[in-house]
Amino acid sequence: MGLFSFLKNAGTALLGGGKKATTPAAPAAPSALEQLEDAQLAMRLTNHVIALGLKVENLNIVVDDDKATITGTAASQSEKEKVILAVGNVAGIATVDDWMTVAAPAEATVAPEPEAIFYTVEKGDTLSKIAKEHYGNAMKYPVIFEANKPMLKDVDKIYPGQVLRIPPIA
């Protein structure tokens, strides 16, 4: 569980558009229109996670302005991290509040899966460059690519501001 930060204006634009950019004003109770926009974005985010084939039981996403709160039970630690990234790497979302749990392994002798590092892509980054930085070997880029499927479809299609999973390797 935790709070994860993303670049609000970077990321996938879901069908139906994102929320309208507004000028900051004094804090006030959200209007009915803002509540409706939040609910619509939450529905699009849920559909996005489902369309990616990520496995989470009882998935529930609530949006409040630019913050998405996620609950449910992920099939594994990597699935949980992928859901966080799938939601956070959407235009209009700046923060993901993770309240998901991970299903217990079927076998008691199975060790829990280690958590991955989240890395924000910078201008000029490639998966090879990121692999060299984190693993000491640029040829380990397929590990990062595989760890970010199905969100990544091409090794050459990453963008500044995107957040990627960098799993530990043995």
C-alpha atoms as a PDB file:
ATOM      1  CA  MET A   1       0.000   0.000   0.000  1.00  0.00           C
ATOM      2  CA  GLY A   2       1.174   3.436  -0.685  1.00  0.00           C
ATOM      3  CA  LEU A   3       0.868   6.683  -2.518  1.00  0.00           C
ATOM      4  CA  PHE A   4       2.507   6.914  -5.951  1.00  0.00           C
ATOM      5  CA  SER A   5       3.118  10.109  -7.930  1.00  0.00           C
ATOM      6  CA  PHE A   6       2.815  10.490 -11.698  1.00  0.00           C
ATOM      7  CA  LEU A   7       3.002  13.373 -14.160  1.00  0.00           C
ATOM      8  CA  LYS A   8      -0.597  14.513 -14.533  1.00  0.00           C
ATOM      9  CA  ASN A   9      -0.239  15.722 -18.121  1.00  0.00           C
ATOM     10  CA  ALA A  10       1.765  12.737 -19.417  1.00  0.00           C
ATOM     11  CA  GLY A  11       0.261   9.420 -20.292  1.00  0.00           C
ATOM     12  CA  THR A  12      -2.405   7.664 -22.227  1.00  0.00           C
ATOM     13  CA  ALA A  13      -5.532   9.619 -23.056  1.00  0.00           C
ATOM     14  CA  LEU A  14      -8.485   7.291 -22.543  1.00  0.00           C
ATOM     15  CA  LEU A  15     -11.452   7.428 -24.887  1.00  0.00           C
ATOM     16  CA  GLY A  16     -13.945   9.982 -23.709  1.00  0.00           C
ATOM     17  CA  GLY A  17     -11.188  12.429 -22.829  1.00  0.00           C
ATOM     18  CA  GLY A  18      -9.787  13.426 -19.514  1.00  0.00           C
ATOM     19  CA  LYS A  19     -10.910  16.027 -17.118  1.00  0.00           C
ATOM     20  CA  LYS A  20     -10.828  19.653 -18.154  1.00  0.00           C
ATOM     21  CA  ALA A  21      -7.865  21.724 -16.993  1.00  0.00           C
ATOM     22  CA  THR A  22      -9.044  24.290 -14.508  1.00  0.00           C
ATOM     23  CA  THR A  23      -7.504  27.326 -12.919  1.00  0.00           C
ATOM     24  CA  PRO A  24      -6.671  26.716  -9.253  1.00  0.00           C
ATOM     25  CA  ALA A  25      -9.164  28.381  -6.960  1.00  0.00           C
ATOM     26  CA  ALA A  26      -9.978  28.386  -3.302  1.00  0.00           C
ATOM     27  CA  PRO A  27     -10.833  24.872  -2.057  1.00  0.00           C
ATOM     28  CA  ALA A  28     -14.528  24.176  -2.333  1.00  0.00           C
ATOM     29  CA  ALA A  29     -16.791  21.177  -2.352  1.00  0.00           C
ATOM     30  CA  PRO A  30     -16.715  19.472  -5.764  1.00  0.00           C
ATOM     31  CA  SER A  31     -19.645  20.385  -7.983  1.00  0.00           C
ATOM     32  CA  ALA A  32     -22.041  17.780  -9.333  1.00  0.00           C
ATOM     33  CA  LEU A  33     -20.335  18.093 -12.740  1.00  0.00           C
ATOM     34  CA  GLU A  34     -16.882  17.478 -11.206  1.00  0.00           C
ATOM     35  CA  GLN A  35     -18.228  14.454  -9.320  1.00  0.00           C
ATOM     36  CA  LEU A  36     -19.712  13.110 -12.570  1.00  0.00           C
ATOM     37  CA  GLU A  37     -16.393  13.650 -14.413  1.00  0.00           C
ATOM     38  CA  ASP A  38     -14.543  11.828 -11.606  1.00  0.00           C
ATOM     39  CA  ALA A  39     -16.991   8.905 -11.766  1.00  0.00           C
ATOM     40  CA  GLN A  40     -16.688   8.707 -15.571  1.00  0.00           C
ATOM     41  CA  LEU A  41     -12.891   8.731 -15.397  1.00  0.00           C
ATOM     42  CA  ALA A  42     -12.990   6.017 -12.720  1.00  0.00           C
ATOM     43  CA  MET A  43     -15.147   3.886 -15.028  1.00  0.00           C
ATOM     44  CA  ARG A  44     -12.757   4.435 -17.963  1.00  0.00           C
ATOM     45  CA  LEU A  45      -9.780   3.543 -15.744  1.00  0.00           C
ATOM     46  CA  THR A  46     -11.510   0.345 -14.593  1.00  0.00           C
ATOM     47  CA  ASN A  47     -12.280  -0.592 -18.206  1.00  0.00           C
ATOM     48  CA  HIS A  48      -8.654   0.190 -19.144  1.00  0.00           C
ATOM     49  CA  VAL A  49      -7.312  -2.198 -16.469  1.00  0.00           C
ATOM     50  CA  ILE A  50      -9.760  -4.907 -17.554  1.00  0.00           C
ATOM     51  CA  ALA A  51      -8.907  -4.421 -21.246  1.00  0.00           C
ATOM     52  CA  LEU A  52      -5.208  -4.913 -20.434  1.00  0.00           C
ATOM     53  CA  GLY A  53      -6.113  -8.297 -18.960  1.00  0.00           C
ATOM     54  CA  LEU A  54      -4.713  -7.504 -15.528  1.00  0.00           C
ATOM     55  CA  LYS A  55      -6.010  -9.838 -12.852  1.00  0.00           C
ATOM     56  CA  VAL A  56      -7.583  -8.101  -9.859  1.00  0.00           C
ATOM     57  CA  GLU A  57     -10.583  -9.432  -7.974  1.00  0.00           C
ATOM     58  CA  ASN A  58     -13.116  -6.880  -6.700  1.00  0.00           C
ATOM     59  CA  LEU A  59     -11.325  -4.047  -8.513  1.00  0.00           C
ATOM     60  CA  ASN A  60     -12.632  -0.662  -7.450  1.00  0.00           C
ATOM     61  CA  ILE A  61     -11.207   2.673  -8.594  1.00  0.00           C
ATOM     62  CA  VAL A  62     -12.381   5.971  -7.144  1.00  0.00           C
ATOM     63  CA  VAL A  63     -11.219   9.264  -8.650  1.00  0.00           C
ATOM     64  CA  ASP A  64     -11.123  12.512  -6.702  1.00  0.00           C
ATOM     65  CA  ASP A  65      -9.801  15.302  -8.925  1.00  0.00           C
ATOM     66  CA  ASP A  66      -6.385  13.983 -10.080  1.00  0.00           C
ATOM     67  CA  LYS A  67      -6.061  11.222  -7.446  1.00  0.00           C
ATOM     68  CA  ALA A  68      -7.127   7.623  -8.101  1.00  0.00           C
ATOM     69  CA  THR A  69      -7.647   5.255  -5.182  1.00  0.00           C
ATOM     70  CA  ILE A  70      -7.498   1.550  -6.040  1.00  0.00           C
ATOM     71  CA  THR A  71      -8.781  -1.379  -3.989  1.00  0.00           C
ATOM     72  CA  GLY A  72      -9.048  -5.064  -4.802  1.00  0.00           C
ATOM     73  CA  THR A  73      -6.989  -8.232  -4.617  1.00  0.00           C
ATOM     74  CA  ALA A  74      -4.274  -8.680  -7.235  1.00  0.00           C
ATOM     75  CA  ALA A  75      -3.203 -12.151  -8.338  1.00  0.00           C
ATOM     76  CA  SER A  76       0.470 -11.299  -7.689  1.00  0.00           C
ATOM     77  CA  GLN A  77       2.796  -8.471  -6.687  1.00  0.00           C
ATOM     78  CA  SER A  78       3.671  -7.845 -10.340  1.00  0.00           C
ATOM     79  CA  GLU A  79      -0.032  -7.653 -11.293  1.00  0.00           C
ATOM     80  CA  LYS A  80      -0.583  -5.162  -8.460  1.00  0.00           C
ATOM     81  CA  GLU A  81       2.293  -2.990  -9.691  1.00  0.00           C
ATOM     82  CA  LYS A  82       1.024  -3.177 -13.274  1.00  0.00           C
ATOM     83  CA  VAL A  83      -2.439  -1.998 -12.182  1.00  0.00           C
ATOM     84  CA  ILE A  84      -0.876   0.965 -10.344  1.00  0.00           C
ATOM     85  CA  LEU A  85       1.096   1.872 -13.479  1.00  0.00           C
ATOM     86  CA  ALA A  86      -1.840   1.316 -15.832  1.00  0.00           C
ATOM     87  CA  VAL A  87      -3.908   3.774 -13.792  1.00  0.00           C
ATOM     88  CA  GLY A  88      -1.132   6.270 -13.040  1.00  0.00           C
ATOM     89  CA  ASN A  89       0.160   6.473 -16.618  1.00  0.00           C
ATOM     90  CA  VAL A  90      -3.134   8.000 -17.780  1.00  0.00           C
ATOM     91  CA  ALA A  91      -3.434  11.692 -18.591  1.00  0.00           C
ATOM     92  CA  GLY A  92      -5.229  13.498 -15.771  1.00  0.00           C
ATOM     93  CA  ILE A  93      -3.998  11.246 -12.960  1.00  0.00           C
ATOM     94  CA  ALA A  94      -1.242  12.675 -10.761  1.00  0.00           C
ATOM     95  CA  THR A  95      -1.470  10.345  -7.758  1.00  0.00           C
ATOM     96  CA  VAL A  96      -2.443   6.720  -7.202  1.00  0.00           C
ATOM     97  CA  ASP A  97      -3.385   5.677  -3.682  1.00  0.00           C
ATOM     98  CA  ASP A  98      -2.871   1.906  -3.561  1.00  0.00           C
ATOM     99  CA  TRP A  99      -5.040  -0.064  -1.143  1.00  0.00           C
ATOM    100  CA  MET A 100      -4.827  -3.357  -3.060  1.00  0.00           C
ATOM    101  CA  THR A 101      -3.796  -6.602  -1.463  1.00  0.00           C
ATOM    102  CA  VAL A 102      -1.984  -9.524  -3.075  1.00  0.00           C
ATOM    103  CA  ALA A 103      -3.561 -12.969  -3.046  1.00  0.00           C
ATOM    104  CA  ALA A 104      -1.646 -15.444  -0.909  1.00  0.00           C
ATOM    105  CA  PRO A 105       0.367 -17.983  -2.916  1.00  0.00           C
ATOM    106  CA  ALA A 106      -1.397 -21.338  -3.258  1.00  0.00           C
ATOM    107  CA  GLU A 107       1.634 -23.131  -1.844  1.00  0.00           C
ATOM    108  CA  ALA A 108       2.953 -22.137   1.573  1.00  0.00           C
ATOM    109  CA  THR A 109       6.564 -22.771   0.482  1.00  0.00           C
ATOM    110  CA  VAL A 110       6.429 -20.093  -2.212  1.00  0.00           C
ATOM    111  CA  ALA A 111       8.262 -16.942  -1.155  1.00  0.00           C
ATOM    112  CA  PRO A 112       6.494 -13.609  -1.707  1.00  0.00           C
ATOM    113  CA  GLU A 113       7.415 -11.877  -4.945  1.00  0.00           C
ATOM    114  CA  PRO A 114       9.810  -8.948  -4.359  1.00  0.00           C
ATOM    115  CA  GLU A 115       8.625  -5.428  -5.127  1.00  0.00           C
ATOM    116  CA  ALA A 116       9.895  -3.719  -8.250  1.00  0.00           C
ATOM    117  CA  ILE A 117      11.362  -0.226  -8.431  1.00  0.00           C
ATOM    118  CA  PHE A 118       9.291   2.395 -10.268  1.00  0.00           C
ATOM    119  CA  TYR A 119      11.297   4.530 -12.684  1.00  0.00           C
ATOM    120  CA  THR A 120      10.108   7.708 -14.431  1.00  0.00           C
ATOM    121  CA  VAL A 121      11.310   7.890 -18.037  1.00  0.00           C
ATOM    122  CA  GLU A 122      13.340  10.985 -18.882  1.00  0.00           C
ATOM    123  CA  LYS A 123      14.005  12.615 -22.246  1.00  0.00           C
ATOM    124  CA  GLY A 124      16.597  10.574 -24.163  1.00  0.00           C
ATOM    125  CA  ASP A 125      15.935   7.340 -22.238  1.00  0.00           C
ATOM    126  CA  THR A 126      15.707   3.980 -23.972  1.00  0.00           C
ATOM    127  CA  LEU A 127      15.007   0.633 -22.388  1.00  0.00           C
ATOM    128  CA  SER A 128      18.658  -0.287 -23.040  1.00  0.00           C
ATOM    129  CA  LYS A 129      19.878   2.836 -21.253  1.00  0.00           C
ATOM    130  CA  ILE A 130      17.550   2.151 -18.309  1.00  0.00           C
ATOM    131  CA  ALA A 131      18.721  -1.502 -18.167  1.00  0.00           C
ATOM    132  CA  LYS A 132      22.364  -0.391 -18.161  1.00  0.00           C
ATOM    133  CA  GLU A 133      21.633   2.025 -15.296  1.00  0.00           C
ATOM    134  CA  HIS A 134      19.694  -0.479 -13.149  1.00  0.00           C
ATOM    135  CA  TYR A 135      21.248  -3.823 -14.076  1.00  0.00           C
ATOM    136  CA  GLY A 136      24.683  -2.823 -15.345  1.00  0.00           C
ATOM    137  CA  ASN A 137      23.925  -4.455 -18.698  1.00  0.00           C
ATOM    138  CA  ALA A 138      22.085  -2.759 -21.579  1.00  0.00           C
ATOM    139  CA  MET A 139      21.204  -6.160 -23.057  1.00  0.00           C
ATOM    140  CA  LYS A 140      18.865  -6.800 -20.102  1.00  0.00           C
ATOM    141  CA  TYR A 141      16.297  -4.402 -21.637  1.00  0.00           C
ATOM    142  CA  PRO A 142      13.915  -7.322 -22.448  1.00  0.00           C
ATOM    143  CA  VAL A 143      13.494  -7.870 -18.682  1.00  0.00           C
ATOM    144  CA  ILE A 144      12.082  -4.329 -18.368  1.00  0.00           C
ATOM    145  CA  PHE A 145       9.994  -4.705 -21.521  1.00  0.00           C
ATOM    146  CA  GLU A 146       8.443  -7.982 -20.304  1.00  0.00           C
ATOM    147  CA  ALA A 147       7.844  -6.525 -16.830  1.00  0.00           C
ATOM    148  CA  ASN A 148       5.765  -3.732 -18.354  1.00  0.00           C
ATOM    149  CA  LYS A 149       3.597  -5.785 -20.696  1.00  0.00           C
ATOM    150  CA  PRO A 150       0.771  -5.349 -21.625  1.00  0.00           C
ATOM    151  CA  MET A 151       1.169  -1.581 -21.141  1.00  0.00           C
ATOM    152  CA  LEU A 152       4.239  -1.568 -23.424  1.00  0.00           C
ATOM    153  CA  LYS A 153       3.682  -2.991 -26.879  1.00  0.00           C
ATOM    154  CA  ASP A 154       6.982  -1.929 -28.501  1.00  0.00           C
ATOM    155  CA  VAL A 155      10.479  -1.564 -26.999  1.00  0.00           C
ATOM    156  CA  ASP A 156      10.897   1.757 -28.808  1.00  0.00           C
ATOM    157  CA  LYS A 157       7.637   3.314 -27.585  1.00  0.00           C
ATOM    158  CA  ILE A 158       8.381   4.894 -24.219  1.00  0.00           C
ATOM    159  CA  TYR A 159       7.923   8.589 -23.448  1.00  0.00           C
ATOM    160  CA  PRO A 160       9.183  11.117 -20.903  1.00  0.00           C
ATOM    161  CA  GLY A 161       7.038  11.091 -17.781  1.00  0.00           C
ATOM    162  CA  GLN A 162       5.975   7.467 -18.213  1.00  0.00           C
ATOM    163  CA  VAL A 163       6.572   5.320 -15.139  1.00  0.00           C
ATOM    164  CA  LEU A 164       7.974   1.814 -15.650  1.00  0.00           C
ATOM    165  CA  ARG A 165       8.450  -1.249 -13.418  1.00  0.00           C
ATOM    166  CA  ILE A 166      12.087  -2.265 -12.955  1.00  0.00           C
ATOM    167  CA  PRO A 167      11.937  -5.716 -11.358  1.00  0.00           C
ATOM    168  CA  PRO A 168      14.852  -7.139  -9.389  1.00  0.00           C
ATOM    169  CA  ILE A 169      16.830  -9.844 -11.188  1.00  0.00           C
ATOM    170  CA  ALA A 170      18.744 -12.713  -9.687  1.00  0.00           C
END
